[in-house]
Amino acid sequence: MEQQQQPKLADEIKKMEYEPMLPVELSLVRWSIGIGVGSLFFLYYLSQWLFPGGH
């Protein structure tokens, strides 16, 4: 029996067509980044308030 070779990732990526992101996908990415950055700032200032000697 002949073994099939696994397709290489680079070859598969070259075969793919370009697909632009939908507006809803862009919105989700922006909201996710905004929430992540906002959470970092909030948690930093919360920890500074709760543990003032730790910084």
Protein backbone atom coordinates (compact mmCIF):
# COMPACT_ATOMS: atom_id res chain seq x y z
CA MET A 1 0.00 0.00 0.00
CA GLU A 2 1.28 3.43 -0.90
CA GLN A 3 1.54 6.06 1.85
CA GLN A 4 0.11 9.47 1.13
CA GLN A 5 2.36 12.42 1.86
CA GLN A 6 1.06 15.05 4.23
CA PRO A 7 0.53 18.38 2.48
CA LYS A 8 2.99 21.04 3.55
CA LEU A 9 1.65 24.15 5.22
CA ALA A 10 3.49 26.51 2.85
CA ASP A 11 1.96 24.80 -0.20
CA GLU A 12 -1.53 24.97 1.27
CA ILE A 13 -1.15 28.66 2.10
CA LYS A 14 -0.04 29.40 -1.47
CA LYS A 15 -3.18 27.68 -2.81
CA MET A 16 -5.53 29.75 -0.66
CA GLU A 17 -7.46 32.63 -2.18
CA TYR A 18 -7.36 36.10 -0.66
CA GLU A 19 -10.38 36.72 1.53
CA PRO A 20 -10.88 40.23 2.88
CA MET A 21 -12.17 40.52 6.43
CA LEU A 22 -15.85 41.29 6.80
CA PRO A 23 -16.87 44.49 8.60
CA VAL A 24 -18.29 42.46 11.49
CA GLU A 25 -14.96 40.63 11.85
CA LEU A 26 -13.07 43.93 11.94
CA SER A 27 -15.47 45.19 14.58
CA LEU A 28 -14.93 42.08 16.71
CA VAL A 29 -11.14 42.43 16.46
CA ARG A 30 -11.28 46.10 17.46
CA TRP A 31 -13.60 45.43 20.40
CA SER A 32 -11.41 42.55 21.59
CA ILE A 33 -8.25 44.66 21.50
CA GLY A 34 -10.03 47.55 23.22
CA ILE A 35 -11.41 45.35 25.98
CA GLY A 36 -8.00 43.71 26.47
CA VAL A 37 -6.11 47.00 26.76
CA GLY A 38 -8.82 48.49 28.97
CA SER A 39 -8.70 45.47 31.26
CA LEU A 40 -4.92 45.75 31.58
CA PHE A 41 -5.16 49.38 32.69
CA PHE A 42 -8.06 48.64 35.05
CA LEU A 43 -6.30 45.71 36.68
CA TYR A 44 -3.05 47.65 37.01
CA TYR A 45 -4.73 50.56 38.79
CA LEU A 46 -6.84 48.18 40.89
CA SER A 47 -3.71 46.35 42.05
CA GLN A 48 -2.02 49.70 42.74
CA TRP A 49 -4.99 50.72 44.90
CA LEU A 50 -5.31 47.39 46.74
CA PHE A 51 -1.57 46.77 47.19
CA PRO A 52 0.12 50.20 47.28
CA GLY A 53 3.46 48.89 48.58
CA GLY A 54 3.84 46.27 45.87
CA HIS A 55 4.77 48.64 43.05
